[in-house]
Amino acid sequence: MELPPWPSLLVIVLTAVVFFLATILCHGRRVYRLPLGPKPWPIIGNLNLIGALPHRSIHELSKRYGPLIQLRLV
């Protein structure tokens, strides 16, 4: 006894849709490899770490996190 053709077609279409959605969702999010740095606050970023002498504050941060850091000054 032979099966009707629509179940196999349905399986192929569902597999294609799942594969298509998986590739779109995975490629939609890019993971950037940013340098280390202090965690920013939600609204003010890292402005709370900059004192009266910004060059000295940034120098202290570079001693803690390395010569290449990421600061978010919002």
PDB file of N, CA and C in Angstrom:
ATOM      1  N   MET A   1       0.835  -1.176   0.000  1.00  0.00           N
ATOM      2  CA  MET A   1       0.000   0.000   0.000  1.00  0.00           C
ATOM      3  C   MET A   1       0.882   1.242   0.000  1.00  0.00           C
ATOM      4  N   GLU A   2       0.581   2.160  -0.830  1.00  0.00           N
ATOM      5  CA  GLU A   2       1.404   3.361  -1.008  1.00  0.00           C
ATOM      6  C   GLU A   2       0.807   4.522  -0.228  1.00  0.00           C
ATOM      7  N   LEU A   3       1.685   5.326   0.409  1.00  0.00           N
ATOM      8  CA  LEU A   3       1.235   6.498   1.155  1.00  0.00           C
ATOM      9  C   LEU A   3       0.897   7.640   0.206  1.00  0.00           C
ATOM     10  N   PRO A   4      -0.021   8.511   0.592  1.00  0.00           N
ATOM     11  CA  PRO A   4      -0.306   9.681  -0.254  1.00  0.00           C
ATOM     12  C   PRO A   4       0.896  10.625  -0.260  1.00  0.00           C
ATOM     13  N   PRO A   5       1.078  11.416  -1.311  1.00  0.00           N
ATOM     14  CA  PRO A   5       2.279  12.256  -1.435  1.00  0.00           C
ATOM     15  C   PRO A   5       2.291  13.479  -0.508  1.00  0.00           C
ATOM     16  N   TRP A   6       1.171  13.907   0.042  1.00  0.00           N
ATOM     17  CA  TRP A   6       1.154  15.143   0.823  1.00  0.00           C
ATOM     18  C   TRP A   6       1.889  15.041   2.158  1.00  0.00           C
ATOM     19  N   PRO A   7       1.949  13.886   2.879  1.00  0.00           N
ATOM     20  CA  PRO A   7       2.718  13.885   4.137  1.00  0.00           C
ATOM     21  C   PRO A   7       4.214  14.098   3.911  1.00  0.00           C
ATOM     22  N   SER A   8       4.754  13.495   2.871  1.00  0.00           N
ATOM     23  CA  SER A   8       6.185  13.686   2.612  1.00  0.00           C
ATOM     24  C   SER A   8       6.465  15.122   2.163  1.00  0.00           C
ATOM     25  N   LEU A   9       5.556  15.703   1.395  1.00  0.00           N
ATOM     26  CA  LEU A   9       5.714  17.102   0.998  1.00  0.00           C
ATOM     27  C   LEU A   9       5.629  18.023   2.207  1.00  0.00           C
ATOM     28  N   LEU A  10       4.730  17.720   3.126  1.00  0.00           N
ATOM     29  CA  LEU A  10       4.591  18.509   4.343  1.00  0.00           C
ATOM     30  C   LEU A  10       5.862  18.449   5.194  1.00  0.00           C
ATOM     31  N   VAL A  11       6.459  17.274   5.306  1.00  0.00           N
ATOM     32  CA  VAL A  11       7.702  17.133   6.067  1.00  0.00           C
ATOM     33  C   VAL A  11       8.821  17.939   5.415  1.00  0.00           C
ATOM     34  N   ILE A  12       8.926  17.917   4.117  1.00  0.00           N
ATOM     35  CA  ILE A  12       9.972  18.663   3.410  1.00  0.00           C
ATOM     36  C   ILE A  12       9.784  20.161   3.600  1.00  0.00           C
ATOM     37  N   VAL A  13       8.551  20.635   3.479  1.00  0.00           N
ATOM     38  CA  VAL A  13       8.280  22.068   3.633  1.00  0.00           C
ATOM     39  C   VAL A  13       8.559  22.517   5.063  1.00  0.00           C
ATOM     40  N   LEU A  14       8.122  21.754   6.049  1.00  0.00           N
ATOM     41  CA  LEU A  14       8.381  22.118   7.448  1.00  0.00           C
ATOM     42  C   LEU A  14       9.872  22.121   7.769  1.00  0.00           C
ATOM     43  N   THR A  15      10.603  21.173   7.239  1.00  0.00           N
ATOM     44  CA  THR A  15      12.053  21.139   7.443  1.00  0.00           C
ATOM     45  C   THR A  15      12.712  22.364   6.825  1.00  0.00           C
ATOM     46  N   ALA A  16      12.283  22.739   5.642  1.00  0.00           N
ATOM     47  CA  ALA A  16      12.847  23.918   4.986  1.00  0.00           C
ATOM     48  C   ALA A  16      12.531  25.189   5.763  1.00  0.00           C
ATOM     49  N   VAL A  17      11.311  25.304   6.281  1.00  0.00           N
ATOM     50  CA  VAL A  17      10.930  26.488   7.053  1.00  0.00           C
ATOM     51  C   VAL A  17      11.737  26.577   8.342  1.00  0.00           C
ATOM     52  N   VAL A  18      11.898  25.467   9.040  1.00  0.00           N
ATOM     53  CA  VAL A  18      12.679  25.461  10.280  1.00  0.00           C
ATOM     54  C   VAL A  18      14.137  25.818   9.997  1.00  0.00           C
ATOM     55  N   PHE A  19      14.709  25.275   8.955  1.00  0.00           N
ATOM     56  CA  PHE A  19      16.093  25.590   8.594  1.00  0.00           C
ATOM     57  C   PHE A  19      16.236  27.065   8.231  1.00  0.00           C
ATOM     58  N   PHE A  20      15.289  27.601   7.474  1.00  0.00           N
ATOM     59  CA  PHE A  20      15.323  29.003   7.074  1.00  0.00           C
ATOM     60  C   PHE A  20      15.234  29.920   8.285  1.00  0.00           C
ATOM     61  N   LEU A  21      14.298  29.648   9.208  1.00  0.00           N
ATOM     62  CA  LEU A  21      14.162  30.472  10.410  1.00  0.00           C
ATOM     63  C   LEU A  21      15.384  30.369  11.319  1.00  0.00           C
ATOM     64  N   ALA A  22      15.958  29.190  11.415  1.00  0.00           N
ATOM     65  CA  ALA A  22      17.147  29.019  12.249  1.00  0.00           C
ATOM     66  C   ALA A  22      18.322  29.820  11.698  1.00  0.00           C
ATOM     67  N   THR A  23      18.509  29.840  10.394  1.00  0.00           N
ATOM     68  CA  THR A  23      19.617  30.604   9.822  1.00  0.00           C
ATOM     69  C   THR A  23      19.394  32.104   9.963  1.00  0.00           C
ATOM     70  N   ILE A  24      18.152  32.545   9.825  1.00  0.00           N
ATOM     71  CA  ILE A  24      17.871  33.980   9.981  1.00  0.00           C
ATOM     72  C   ILE A  24      18.095  34.414  11.427  1.00  0.00           C
ATOM     73  N   LEU A  25      17.630  33.641  12.376  1.00  0.00           N
ATOM     74  CA  LEU A  25      17.773  34.016  13.782  1.00  0.00           C
ATOM     75  C   LEU A  25      19.215  33.949  14.251  1.00  0.00           C
ATOM     76  N   CYS A  26      19.977  33.008  13.756  1.00  0.00           N
ATOM     77  CA  CYS A  26      21.384  32.890  14.176  1.00  0.00           C
ATOM     78  C   CYS A  26      22.245  33.975  13.556  1.00  0.00           C
ATOM     79  N   HIS A  27      21.987  34.332  12.312  1.00  0.00           N
ATOM     80  CA  HIS A  27      22.800  35.346  11.647  1.00  0.00           C
ATOM     81  C   HIS A  27      22.344  36.760  11.966  1.00  0.00           C
ATOM     82  N   GLY A  28      21.186  36.923  12.557  1.00  0.00           N
ATOM     83  CA  GLY A  28      20.695  38.247  12.921  1.00  0.00           C
ATOM     84  C   GLY A  28      21.467  38.847  14.088  1.00  0.00           C
ATOM     85  N   ARG A  29      21.970  38.018  14.962  1.00  0.00           N
ATOM     86  CA  ARG A  29      22.729  38.488  16.125  1.00  0.00           C
ATOM     87  C   ARG A  29      24.213  38.345  15.848  1.00  0.00           C
ATOM     88  N   ARG A  30      24.895  39.439  15.860  1.00  0.00           N
ATOM     89  CA  ARG A  30      26.339  39.401  15.659  1.00  0.00           C
ATOM     90  C   ARG A  30      27.031  39.511  17.001  1.00  0.00           C
ATOM     91  N   VAL A  31      28.032  38.705  17.166  1.00  0.00           N
ATOM     92  CA  VAL A  31      28.797  38.728  18.404  1.00  0.00           C
ATOM     93  C   VAL A  31      30.097  39.472  18.108  1.00  0.00           C
ATOM     94  N   TYR A  32      30.238  40.627  18.723  1.00  0.00           N
ATOM     95  CA  TYR A  32      31.439  41.415  18.526  1.00  0.00           C
ATOM     96  C   TYR A  32      32.434  41.078  19.614  1.00  0.00           C
ATOM     97  N   ARG A  33      33.682  40.948  19.248  1.00  0.00           N
ATOM     98  CA  ARG A  33      34.733  40.675  20.213  1.00  0.00           C
ATOM     99  C   ARG A  33      35.359  42.001  20.610  1.00  0.00           C
ATOM    100  N   LEU A  34      34.723  42.672  21.543  1.00  0.00           N
ATOM    101  CA  LEU A  34      35.173  43.981  21.996  1.00  0.00           C
ATOM    102  C   LEU A  34      36.218  43.825  23.087  1.00  0.00           C
ATOM    103  N   PRO A  35      37.078  44.834  23.258  1.00  0.00           N
ATOM    104  CA  PRO A  35      38.068  44.755  24.325  1.00  0.00           C
ATOM    105  C   PRO A  35      37.403  44.828  25.692  1.00  0.00           C
ATOM    106  N   LEU A  36      38.151  44.381  26.697  1.00  0.00           N
ATOM    107  CA  LEU A  36      37.642  44.409  28.061  1.00  0.00           C
ATOM    108  C   LEU A  36      37.501  45.832  28.559  1.00  0.00           C
ATOM    109  N   GLY A  37      36.713  45.980  29.574  1.00  0.00           N
ATOM    110  CA  GLY A  37      36.531  47.280  30.185  1.00  0.00           C
ATOM    111  C   GLY A  37      35.545  47.164  31.326  1.00  0.00           C
ATOM    112  N   PRO A  38      35.389  48.221  32.083  1.00  0.00           N
ATOM    113  CA  PRO A  38      34.433  48.177  33.184  1.00  0.00           C
ATOM    114  C   PRO A  38      33.001  48.114  32.661  1.00  0.00           C
ATOM    115  N   LYS A  39      32.133  47.494  33.435  1.00  0.00           N
ATOM    116  CA  LYS A  39      30.726  47.395  33.045  1.00  0.00           C
ATOM    117  C   LYS A  39      30.072  48.768  33.147  1.00  0.00           C
ATOM    118  N   PRO A  40      29.405  49.227  32.066  1.00  0.00           N
ATOM    119  CA  PRO A  40      28.749  50.545  32.122  1.00  0.00           C
ATOM    120  C   PRO A  40      27.414  50.475  32.839  1.00  0.00           C
ATOM    121  N   TRP A  41      27.007  51.591  33.395  1.00  0.00           N
ATOM    122  CA  TRP A  41      25.684  51.720  33.988  1.00  0.00           C
ATOM    123  C   TRP A  41      24.680  51.928  32.861  1.00  0.00           C
ATOM    124  N   PRO A  42      23.399  51.645  33.069  1.00  0.00           N
ATOM    125  CA  PRO A  42      22.429  51.701  31.969  1.00  0.00           C
ATOM    126  C   PRO A  42      22.299  53.050  31.275  1.00  0.00           C
ATOM    127  N   ILE A  43      22.265  54.146  31.988  1.00  0.00           N
ATOM    128  CA  ILE A  43      22.021  55.431  31.338  1.00  0.00           C
ATOM    129  C   ILE A  43      23.294  56.252  31.219  1.00  0.00           C
ATOM    130  N   ILE A  44      24.118  56.272  32.240  1.00  0.00           N
ATOM    131  CA  ILE A  44      25.283  57.157  32.218  1.00  0.00           C
ATOM    132  C   ILE A  44      26.540  56.494  31.676  1.00  0.00           C
ATOM    133  N   GLY A  45      26.514  55.206  31.424  1.00  0.00           N
ATOM    134  CA  GLY A  45      27.681  54.528  30.871  1.00  0.00           C
ATOM    135  C   GLY A  45      28.811  54.466  31.882  1.00  0.00           C
ATOM    136  N   ASN A  46      30.014  54.867  31.464  1.00  0.00           N
ATOM    137  CA  ASN A  46      31.179  54.864  32.339  1.00  0.00           C
ATOM    138  C   ASN A  46      31.562  56.266  32.802  1.00  0.00           C
ATOM    139  N   LEU A  47      30.668  57.214  32.661  1.00  0.00           N
ATOM    140  CA  LEU A  47      30.983  58.585  33.071  1.00  0.00           C
ATOM    141  C   LEU A  47      31.235  58.700  34.572  1.00  0.00           C
ATOM    142  N   ASN A  48      30.704  57.778  35.359  1.00  0.00           N
ATOM    143  CA  ASN A  48      30.933  57.832  36.802  1.00  0.00           C
ATOM    144  C   ASN A  48      32.373  57.487  37.163  1.00  0.00           C
ATOM    145  N   LEU A  49      33.125  56.882  36.252  1.00  0.00           N
ATOM    146  CA  LEU A  49      34.519  56.519  36.527  1.00  0.00           C
ATOM    147  C   LEU A  49      35.495  57.630  36.182  1.00  0.00           C
ATOM    148  N   ILE A  50      35.050  58.646  35.483  1.00  0.00           N
ATOM    149  CA  ILE A  50      35.912  59.758  35.086  1.00  0.00           C
ATOM    150  C   ILE A  50      35.822  60.827  36.167  1.00  0.00           C
ATOM    151  N   GLY A  51      36.946  61.139  36.769  1.00  0.00           N
ATOM    152  CA  GLY A  51      36.969  62.113  37.854  1.00  0.00           C
ATOM    153  C   GLY A  51      37.274  63.514  37.355  1.00  0.00           C
ATOM    154  N   ALA A  52      37.839  64.314  38.242  1.00  0.00           N
ATOM    155  CA  ALA A  52      38.162  65.711  37.903  1.00  0.00           C
ATOM    156  C   ALA A  52      39.315  65.789  36.909  1.00  0.00           C
ATOM    157  N   LEU A  53      40.210  64.800  36.961  1.00  0.00           N
ATOM    158  CA  LEU A  53      41.331  64.739  36.020  1.00  0.00           C
ATOM    159  C   LEU A  53      41.130  63.521  35.109  1.00  0.00           C
ATOM    160  N   PRO A  54      40.506  63.723  33.949  1.00  0.00           N
ATOM    161  CA  PRO A  54      40.153  62.580  33.098  1.00  0.00           C
ATOM    162  C   PRO A  54      41.359  61.769  32.620  1.00  0.00           C
ATOM    163  N   HIS A  55      42.488  62.438  32.343  1.00  0.00           N
ATOM    164  CA  HIS A  55      43.644  61.702  31.846  1.00  0.00           C
ATOM    165  C   HIS A  55      44.186  60.756  32.912  1.00  0.00           C
ATOM    166  N   ARG A  56      44.121  61.138  34.172  1.00  0.00           N
ATOM    167  CA  ARG A  56      44.579  60.244  35.240  1.00  0.00           C
ATOM    168  C   ARG A  56      43.579  59.109  35.474  1.00  0.00           C
ATOM    169  N   SER A  57      42.302  59.414  35.364  1.00  0.00           N
ATOM    170  CA  SER A  57      41.291  58.365  35.533  1.00  0.00           C
ATOM    171  C   SER A  57      41.417  57.304  34.447  1.00  0.00           C
ATOM    172  N   ILE A  58      41.611  57.741  33.216  1.00  0.00           N
ATOM    173  CA  ILE A  58      41.768  56.792  32.111  1.00  0.00           C
ATOM    174  C   ILE A  58      43.059  56.010  32.255  1.00  0.00           C
ATOM    175  N   HIS A  59      44.113  56.646  32.771  1.00  0.00           N
ATOM    176  CA  HIS A  59      45.369  55.934  33.008  1.00  0.00           C
ATOM    177  C   HIS A  59      45.184  54.847  34.071  1.00  0.00           C
ATOM    178  N   GLU A  60      44.453  55.124  35.129  1.00  0.00           N
ATOM    179  CA  GLU A  60      44.186  54.121  36.164  1.00  0.00           C
ATOM    180  C   GLU A  60      43.360  52.962  35.594  1.00  0.00           C
ATOM    181  N   LEU A  61      42.378  53.289  34.761  1.00  0.00           N
ATOM    182  CA  LEU A  61      41.593  52.226  34.133  1.00  0.00           C
ATOM    183  C   LEU A  61      42.441  51.372  33.199  1.00  0.00           C
ATOM    184  N   SER A  62      43.381  51.999  32.483  1.00  0.00           N
ATOM    185  CA  SER A  62      44.239  51.226  31.579  1.00  0.00           C
ATOM    186  C   SER A  62      45.208  50.351  32.356  1.00  0.00           C
ATOM    187  N   LYS A  63      45.607  50.769  33.547  1.00  0.00           N
ATOM    188  CA  LYS A  63      46.465  49.910  34.372  1.00  0.00           C
ATOM    189  C   LYS A  63      45.669  48.697  34.868  1.00  0.00           C
ATOM    190  N   ARG A  64      44.384  48.882  35.113  1.00  0.00           N
ATOM    191  CA  ARG A  64      43.555  47.783  35.618  1.00  0.00           C
ATOM    192  C   ARG A  64      43.124  46.830  34.506  1.00  0.00           C
ATOM    193  N   TYR A  65      42.717  47.355  33.341  1.00  0.00           N
ATOM    194  CA  TYR A  65      42.141  46.523  32.288  1.00  0.00           C
ATOM    195  C   TYR A  65      43.069  46.270  31.107  1.00  0.00           C
ATOM    196  N   GLY A  66      44.214  46.918  31.049  1.00  0.00           N
ATOM    197  CA  GLY A  66      45.137  46.713  29.947  1.00  0.00           C
ATOM    198  C   GLY A  66      45.208  47.940  29.056  1.00  0.00           C
ATOM    199  N   PRO A  67      46.124  47.910  28.079  1.00  0.00           N
ATOM    200  CA  PRO A  67      46.328  49.100  27.245  1.00  0.00           C
ATOM    201  C   PRO A  67      45.175  49.378  26.276  1.00  0.00           C
ATOM    202  N   LEU A  68      44.359  48.386  25.978  1.00  0.00           N
ATOM    203  CA  LEU A  68      43.237  48.564  25.062  1.00  0.00           C
ATOM    204  C   LEU A  68      41.957  48.256  25.824  1.00  0.00           C
ATOM    205  N   ILE A  69      41.142  49.295  26.085  1.00  0.00           N
ATOM    206  CA  ILE A  69      39.911  49.116  26.838  1.00  0.00           C
ATOM    207  C   ILE A  69      38.760  49.757  26.080  1.00  0.00           C
ATOM    208  N   GLN A  70      37.558  49.408  26.488  1.00  0.00           N
ATOM    209  CA  GLN A  70      36.371  50.013  25.892  1.00  0.00           C
ATOM    210  C   GLN A  70      35.630  50.767  26.975  1.00  0.00           C
ATOM    211  N   LEU A  71      35.430  52.057  26.756  1.00  0.00           N
ATOM    212  CA  LEU A  71      34.650  52.886  27.654  1.00  0.00           C
ATOM    213  C   LEU A  71      33.415  53.365  26.902  1.00  0.00           C
ATOM    214  N   ARG A  72      32.311  53.387  27.589  1.00  0.00           N
ATOM    215  CA  ARG A  72      31.071  53.858  26.977  1.00  0.00           C
ATOM    216  C   ARG A  72      30.700  55.170  27.646  1.00  0.00           C
ATOM    217  N   LEU A  73      30.947  56.263  26.943  1.00  0.00           N
ATOM    218  CA  LEU A  73      30.666  57.599  27.471  1.00  0.00           C
ATOM    219  C   LEU A  73      29.402  58.116  26.809  1.00  0.00           C
ATOM    220  N   VAL A  74      28.284  57.905  27.448  1.00  0.00           N
ATOM    221  CA  VAL A  74      26.977  58.242  26.856  1.00  0.00           C
ATOM    222  C   VAL A  74      26.612  59.655  27.220  1.00  0.00           C
TER     223      VAL A  74
END
